[in-house]
Amino acid sequence: MKHFLRVVTHFFLFLYCKLLWRVLKFVVRKFTGRCELQRICYNNKHGARRTLKIESSLRYSKNELLQSALSIHPDKVERTIDNIMTLKRINPDTNPQLGISLQASLLQIVGYRSLVVEVEKLRREPYDCENAEHEDMLMKFFFFWSPDTSLNGRISKQWCEIGFQGSDPKTDFRGMGLLGLHNLLYFAEHDKATALQMLNDSLQPKHNEINKPEWEQKNLDKAIGYSFAIVGINITDLAYSLLVSGALKTHLYNVAPEMPSLPHFQQTFCYLMQEFHRFWIEEDPSDIMEFNRVRSKFHRRVLRQLKNPDMALCPHFSASDLHLVNL
């Protein structure tokens, strides 16, 4: 009986709050002369603060047109905005900025959905050693690190030198498919100096050398000792989980002026690789067996950062081709 009364109480409390919210929205609109979408656009700067609120407003609207705006094709954004302006009885001539703001935010929202689909497609595509394009990407990744070294064979222990688990790297891509290879190659090509330094650090043993200067001894104490390529695939999994959970909306709505694209996601991966490298050194694990603990702690830290609506996870490129700015 007590449980029943508690359920009934919560139900009526929910209805009361919902009714109160609608009444409040009605009063605010009458008082300000602006609907909720107008207030959001005019009171919030471009980026996650505005787009997240617009997304929430559309999702919880009772109107089907507003709800459907979240899943439209990018080509229909302008027409949808016209329909929204008509529905809300807003004159576009006297409110030109509203249409511009709504368009930017809607493109970010539908672009994020499209990005999830694109990333998922890459993740689901398995590495195929019979596919010439796949093999070319893999060979390009190998020779990036050792341009003057010849590969002994398709199956070779040389793959372990750049951080794969065994002599056939294709087995390591099973979890993340082609997405892992795309990300690793992007990192190598777009932030070469950092990637080379990380690989070099990852190959260092964890020990002191008495003949080294004190500052070098300290660096050796903090040496990495992990499998570079495997960590890259694992961080790809972390970036993927942040994307599909929606946690990356804060970041991508801040860095993508309109539609987030695959390069935005790949630059996020670069940032996570760089930051995980630093975090691993700070944590100073005793060996690679602590990887899951450190990774989980790093994941929680990134999630906390993304709760800040102004957060942007920008890689420390010397010159970013997307000109991302940490807001």
Protein backbone atom coordinates (compact mmCIF):
# COMPACT_ATOMS: atom_id res chain seq x y z
CA MET A 1 0.00 0.00 0.00
CA LYS A 2 2.80 2.40 0.89
CA HIS A 3 4.50 1.66 -2.42
CA PHE A 4 1.27 2.37 -4.30
CA LEU A 5 0.78 5.67 -2.49
CA ARG A 6 4.38 6.64 -3.24
CA VAL A 7 3.92 5.90 -6.94
CA VAL A 8 0.66 7.88 -7.06
CA THR A 9 2.29 10.79 -5.22
CA HIS A 10 5.22 10.87 -7.64
CA PHE A 11 2.85 10.68 -10.60
CA PHE A 12 0.77 13.66 -9.47
CA LEU A 13 3.91 15.57 -8.52
CA PHE A 14 5.21 14.99 -12.05
CA LEU A 15 1.96 16.23 -13.58
CA TYR A 16 1.97 19.25 -11.29
CA CYS A 17 5.55 20.19 -12.22
CA LYS A 18 4.82 19.69 -15.90
CA LEU A 19 1.71 21.87 -15.70
CA LEU A 20 3.57 24.48 -13.68
CA TRP A 21 6.37 24.56 -16.27
CA ARG A 22 3.90 25.10 -19.10
CA VAL A 23 2.17 27.88 -17.20
CA LEU A 24 5.55 29.47 -16.47
CA LYS A 25 6.55 29.29 -20.14
CA PHE A 26 3.23 30.90 -21.13
CA VAL A 27 3.67 33.72 -18.60
CA VAL A 28 7.28 34.35 -19.64
CA ARG A 29 6.32 34.48 -23.31
CA LYS A 30 3.52 36.97 -22.59
CA PHE A 31 5.86 39.05 -20.46
CA THR A 32 8.87 39.04 -22.81
CA GLY A 33 7.09 38.66 -26.13
CA ARG A 34 9.49 35.82 -27.02
CA CYS A 35 9.04 32.06 -27.27
CA GLU A 36 11.47 29.65 -25.61
CA LEU A 37 13.57 29.21 -28.76
CA GLN A 38 13.93 32.97 -29.09
CA ARG A 39 15.02 33.33 -25.48
CA ILE A 40 17.59 30.56 -25.88
CA CYS A 41 19.05 32.05 -29.07
CA TYR A 42 19.19 35.60 -27.76
CA ASN A 43 20.48 34.79 -24.28
CA ASN A 44 23.21 32.25 -25.12
CA LYS A 45 26.34 32.55 -27.21
CA HIS A 46 26.98 30.27 -30.16
CA GLY A 47 28.21 26.85 -29.15
CA ALA A 48 27.24 24.13 -26.71
CA ARG A 49 25.43 26.43 -24.27
CA ARG A 50 22.95 27.39 -26.95
CA THR A 51 22.72 24.21 -29.03
CA LEU A 52 22.22 21.87 -26.05
CA LYS A 53 19.33 24.02 -24.82
CA ILE A 54 17.76 24.17 -28.27
CA GLU A 55 18.13 20.40 -28.59
CA SER A 56 16.44 19.88 -25.23
CA SER A 57 13.64 22.32 -26.07
CA LEU A 58 12.89 20.55 -29.35
CA ARG A 59 13.10 17.06 -27.86
CA TYR A 60 10.59 17.76 -25.08
CA SER A 61 8.20 19.82 -27.18
CA LYS A 62 4.66 18.51 -27.64
CA ASN A 63 4.68 19.64 -31.27
CA GLU A 64 5.64 16.98 -33.83
CA LEU A 65 7.27 19.51 -36.16
CA LEU A 66 9.62 20.65 -33.42
CA GLN A 67 10.42 17.10 -32.34
CA SER A 68 11.10 15.97 -35.91
CA ALA A 69 13.54 18.85 -36.43
CA LEU A 70 16.14 16.82 -34.51
CA SER A 71 16.29 14.09 -37.15
CA ILE A 72 15.86 15.90 -40.45
CA HIS A 73 18.27 15.69 -43.36
CA PRO A 74 20.76 18.60 -43.46
CA ASP A 75 19.30 19.71 -46.80
CA LYS A 76 15.95 20.35 -45.10
CA VAL A 77 17.25 22.58 -42.30
CA GLU A 78 16.35 25.88 -43.96
CA ARG A 79 12.82 24.74 -44.81
CA THR A 80 12.35 23.41 -41.28
CA ILE A 81 13.41 26.76 -39.80
CA ASP A 82 10.87 28.53 -42.02
CA ASN A 83 8.20 26.14 -40.73
CA ILE A 84 9.25 26.75 -37.13
CA MET A 85 9.10 30.52 -37.61
CA THR A 86 5.61 30.18 -39.10
CA LEU A 87 4.49 27.88 -36.28
CA LYS A 88 5.78 30.29 -33.63
CA ARG A 89 4.38 33.31 -35.51
CA ILE A 90 7.78 34.94 -35.72
CA ASN A 91 8.45 37.45 -38.47
CA PRO A 92 11.81 36.53 -40.04
CA ASP A 93 12.27 40.08 -41.33
CA THR A 94 12.20 41.54 -37.83
CA ASN A 95 14.05 38.57 -36.28
CA PRO A 96 16.81 37.76 -38.81
CA GLN A 97 19.32 36.66 -36.16
CA LEU A 98 16.94 33.98 -34.88
CA GLY A 99 16.95 32.15 -38.21
CA ILE A 100 20.75 32.32 -38.41
CA SER A 101 21.16 31.00 -34.86
CA LEU A 102 18.63 28.22 -35.32
CA GLN A 103 20.26 27.15 -38.56
CA ALA A 104 23.72 26.89 -37.01
CA SER A 105 22.43 24.91 -34.03
CA LEU A 106 20.22 22.59 -36.10
CA LEU A 107 23.13 21.83 -38.42
CA GLN A 108 25.23 20.94 -35.37
CA ILE A 109 22.47 18.66 -34.03
CA VAL A 110 21.79 16.76 -37.26
CA GLY A 111 25.51 16.77 -38.07
CA TYR A 112 26.26 15.04 -34.79
CA ARG A 113 23.75 12.32 -35.65
CA SER A 114 25.32 11.90 -39.10
CA LEU A 115 28.78 11.71 -37.55
CA VAL A 116 27.68 8.91 -35.22
CA VAL A 117 26.44 6.96 -38.24
CA GLU A 118 29.68 7.55 -40.16
CA VAL A 119 31.89 6.55 -37.23
CA GLU A 120 29.76 3.48 -36.53
CA LYS A 121 30.10 2.41 -40.16
CA LEU A 122 33.90 2.56 -39.93
CA ARG A 123 33.86 0.71 -36.63
CA ARG A 124 31.74 -2.09 -38.05
CA GLU A 125 33.89 -2.54 -41.15
CA PRO A 126 36.45 -5.25 -40.36
CA TYR A 127 40.02 -5.04 -41.53
CA ASP A 128 40.37 -7.17 -44.66
CA CYS A 129 43.89 -8.15 -45.69
CA GLU A 130 42.51 -8.98 -49.16
CA ASN A 131 41.35 -5.38 -49.58
CA ALA A 132 44.07 -3.38 -51.33
CA GLU A 133 42.88 -0.10 -49.81
CA HIS A 134 43.04 -1.53 -46.29
CA GLU A 135 46.49 -2.95 -46.89
CA ASP A 136 47.74 0.33 -48.34
CA MET A 137 46.62 2.19 -45.21
CA LEU A 138 48.33 -0.33 -42.96
CA MET A 139 51.57 -0.22 -44.94
CA LYS A 140 51.46 3.56 -44.90
CA PHE A 141 51.15 3.44 -41.11
CA PHE A 142 54.14 1.08 -40.81
CA PHE A 143 56.45 3.06 -43.08
CA PHE A 144 55.52 6.31 -41.38
CA TRP A 145 57.58 5.16 -38.39
CA SER A 146 60.35 3.44 -40.32
CA PRO A 147 60.53 4.95 -43.84
CA ASP A 148 63.98 3.45 -44.47
CA THR A 149 63.14 0.00 -43.07
CA SER A 150 61.90 -2.84 -45.23
CA LEU A 151 59.13 -5.06 -43.92
CA ASN A 152 60.26 -8.69 -43.77
CA GLY A 153 56.79 -9.90 -44.69
CA ARG A 154 53.07 -9.29 -44.21
CA ILE A 155 53.32 -11.38 -41.06
CA SER A 156 56.27 -10.10 -39.07
CA LYS A 157 57.42 -9.43 -35.53
CA GLN A 158 58.29 -5.94 -36.75
CA TRP A 159 54.69 -4.93 -36.10
CA CYS A 160 55.37 -5.33 -32.38
CA GLU A 161 57.96 -2.56 -32.63
CA ILE A 162 55.21 -0.02 -33.22
CA GLY A 163 52.95 -1.43 -30.55
CA PHE A 164 50.85 -4.20 -32.03
CA GLN A 165 50.32 -7.32 -29.94
CA GLY A 166 51.50 -9.91 -32.45
CA SER A 167 52.99 -10.47 -35.85
CA ASP A 168 49.68 -9.90 -37.69
CA PRO A 169 48.20 -6.48 -36.87
CA LYS A 170 44.83 -7.22 -38.46
CA THR A 171 43.83 -9.20 -35.36
CA ASP A 172 44.19 -6.06 -33.21
CA PHE A 173 41.60 -4.17 -35.26
CA ARG A 174 38.77 -6.58 -34.45
CA GLY A 175 37.22 -4.43 -31.72
CA MET A 176 37.25 -1.08 -33.53
CA GLY A 177 37.48 -2.20 -37.17
CA LEU A 178 38.80 0.34 -39.67
CA LEU A 179 38.06 3.17 -37.25
CA GLY A 180 41.15 2.26 -35.22
CA LEU A 181 43.41 2.29 -38.28
CA HIS A 182 41.92 5.55 -39.59
CA ASN A 183 42.55 7.25 -36.24
CA LEU A 184 46.11 5.99 -35.84
CA LEU A 185 47.04 7.06 -39.35
CA TYR A 186 45.39 10.47 -38.89
CA PHE A 187 47.34 11.05 -35.67
CA ALA A 188 50.63 10.07 -37.33
CA GLU A 189 50.05 12.32 -40.33
CA HIS A 190 48.61 15.38 -38.55
CA ASP A 191 50.76 15.52 -35.42
CA LYS A 192 53.95 13.78 -36.50
CA ALA A 193 56.26 15.18 -33.84
CA THR A 194 53.99 14.22 -30.95
CA ALA A 195 53.25 10.79 -32.40
CA LEU A 196 56.95 10.01 -32.84
CA GLN A 197 57.72 11.20 -29.32
CA MET A 198 54.91 9.08 -27.87
CA LEU A 199 56.11 5.98 -29.71
CA ASN A 200 59.66 6.59 -28.51
CA ASP A 201 58.47 7.06 -24.91
CA SER A 202 56.30 3.95 -25.08
CA LEU A 203 59.33 1.84 -25.98
CA GLN A 204 61.41 3.03 -23.02
CA PRO A 205 61.96 0.70 -20.05
CA LYS A 206 61.10 1.93 -16.57
CA HIS A 207 64.41 2.23 -14.77
CA ASN A 208 67.19 4.58 -13.69
CA GLU A 209 70.57 4.76 -15.32
CA ILE A 210 73.26 5.97 -12.91
CA ASN A 211 75.31 7.52 -15.70
CA LYS A 212 72.46 9.79 -16.78
CA PRO A 213 72.02 13.38 -15.52
CA GLU A 214 69.50 13.81 -12.71
CA TRP A 215 66.81 15.36 -14.95
CA GLU A 216 67.09 12.46 -17.42
CA GLN A 217 66.88 9.96 -14.56
CA LYS A 218 63.62 11.55 -13.48
CA ASN A 219 62.23 11.21 -17.02
CA LEU A 220 63.30 7.58 -17.15
CA ASP A 221 61.53 6.99 -13.84
CA LYS A 222 58.36 8.16 -15.53
CA ALA A 223 58.93 6.27 -18.77
CA ILE A 224 55.87 4.74 -20.41
CA GLY A 225 56.34 1.14 -21.39
CA TYR A 226 53.08 0.47 -23.24
CA SER A 227 52.10 -0.85 -26.69
CA PHE A 228 51.56 2.29 -28.75
CA ALA A 229 49.25 0.93 -31.47
CA ILE A 230 47.17 -1.07 -28.99
CA VAL A 231 46.73 1.99 -26.78
CA GLY A 232 45.68 3.97 -29.87
CA ILE A 233 42.99 1.40 -30.65
CA ASN A 234 41.90 1.46 -27.01
CA ILE A 235 41.67 5.26 -26.99
CA THR A 236 39.65 4.97 -30.21
CA ASP A 237 37.19 2.89 -28.22
CA LEU A 238 37.10 5.58 -25.53
CA ALA A 239 36.46 8.33 -28.10
CA TYR A 240 33.76 6.19 -29.72
CA SER A 241 32.00 5.63 -26.39
CA LEU A 242 32.05 9.38 -25.67
CA LEU A 243 30.54 10.05 -29.10
CA VAL A 244 27.69 7.52 -29.02
CA SER A 245 26.79 8.38 -25.42
CA GLY A 246 26.37 12.04 -26.40
CA ALA A 247 29.10 13.21 -24.03
CA LEU A 248 31.06 14.70 -26.94
CA LYS A 249 28.22 17.04 -27.85
CA THR A 250 29.66 19.69 -25.54
CA HIS A 251 33.02 19.59 -27.29
CA LEU A 252 31.78 19.25 -30.87
CA TYR A 253 29.11 21.92 -30.54
CA ASN A 254 31.87 24.27 -29.37
CA VAL A 255 34.42 23.51 -32.09
CA ALA A 256 32.26 22.87 -35.16
CA PRO A 257 30.67 26.11 -36.42
CA GLU A 258 28.01 24.03 -38.14
CA MET A 259 28.08 20.29 -38.91
CA PRO A 260 30.60 18.17 -36.98
CA SER A 261 32.54 15.93 -39.36
CA LEU A 262 34.90 12.95 -39.19
CA PRO A 263 38.03 15.17 -39.00
CA HIS A 264 36.54 16.80 -35.87
CA PHE A 265 36.21 13.34 -34.31
CA GLN A 266 39.73 12.39 -35.37
CA GLN A 267 41.16 15.57 -33.86
CA THR A 268 39.34 14.65 -30.66
CA PHE A 269 41.12 11.30 -30.80
CA CYS A 270 44.44 13.12 -31.16
CA TYR A 271 43.65 15.19 -28.08
CA LEU A 272 42.76 12.07 -26.08
CA MET A 273 45.98 10.35 -27.16
CA GLN A 274 48.06 13.34 -26.12
CA GLU A 275 46.27 13.76 -22.79
CA PHE A 276 46.28 10.05 -21.97
CA HIS A 277 50.03 10.01 -22.56
CA ARG A 278 50.46 12.81 -19.99
CA PHE A 279 47.99 11.20 -17.62
CA TRP A 280 49.79 7.84 -17.76
CA ILE A 281 53.05 9.56 -16.82
CA GLU A 282 51.35 11.42 -13.96
CA GLU A 283 49.80 8.21 -12.62
CA ASP A 284 53.18 6.45 -12.81
CA PRO A 285 51.76 2.88 -12.97
CA SER A 286 54.04 0.07 -11.93
CA ASP A 287 53.39 -1.87 -15.15
CA ILE A 288 50.99 -2.31 -18.07
CA MET A 289 48.67 -4.42 -15.89
CA GLU A 290 47.39 -1.16 -14.42
CA PHE A 291 46.22 0.05 -17.82
CA ASN A 292 42.49 -0.54 -17.22
CA ARG A 293 42.59 1.31 -13.91
CA VAL A 294 44.38 4.29 -15.41
CA ARG A 295 42.13 4.31 -18.47
CA SER A 296 38.98 4.27 -16.32
CA LYS A 297 40.28 7.13 -14.20
CA PHE A 298 41.19 9.09 -17.34
CA HIS A 299 37.73 8.43 -18.80
CA ARG A 300 36.06 9.80 -15.67
CA ARG A 301 38.24 12.92 -15.82
CA VAL A 302 37.26 13.60 -19.45
CA LEU A 303 33.57 13.13 -18.60
CA ARG A 304 33.92 15.69 -15.80
CA GLN A 305 35.55 18.13 -18.20
CA LEU A 306 32.72 17.70 -20.69
CA LYS A 307 30.16 18.75 -18.09
CA ASN A 308 31.49 22.27 -18.55
CA PRO A 309 29.40 23.72 -21.43
CA ASP A 310 32.37 25.82 -22.58
CA MET A 311 34.75 22.86 -22.81
CA ALA A 312 36.59 22.06 -26.04
CA LEU A 313 38.98 19.10 -26.23
CA CYS A 314 41.42 20.63 -28.68
CA PRO A 315 44.62 18.80 -29.64
CA HIS A 316 47.87 20.64 -29.13
CA PHE A 317 48.73 20.84 -32.81
CA SER A 318 51.38 23.30 -33.91
CA ALA A 319 48.98 24.25 -36.70
CA SER A 320 45.50 22.72 -36.79
CA ASP A 321 43.97 22.50 -40.25
CA LEU A 322 40.54 23.02 -38.70
CA HIS A 323 41.64 26.04 -36.64
CA LEU A 324 39.97 24.75 -33.47
CA VAL A 325 39.94 27.20 -30.58
CA ASN A 326 39.71 26.27 -26.90
CA LEU A 327 36.71 28.33 -25.88
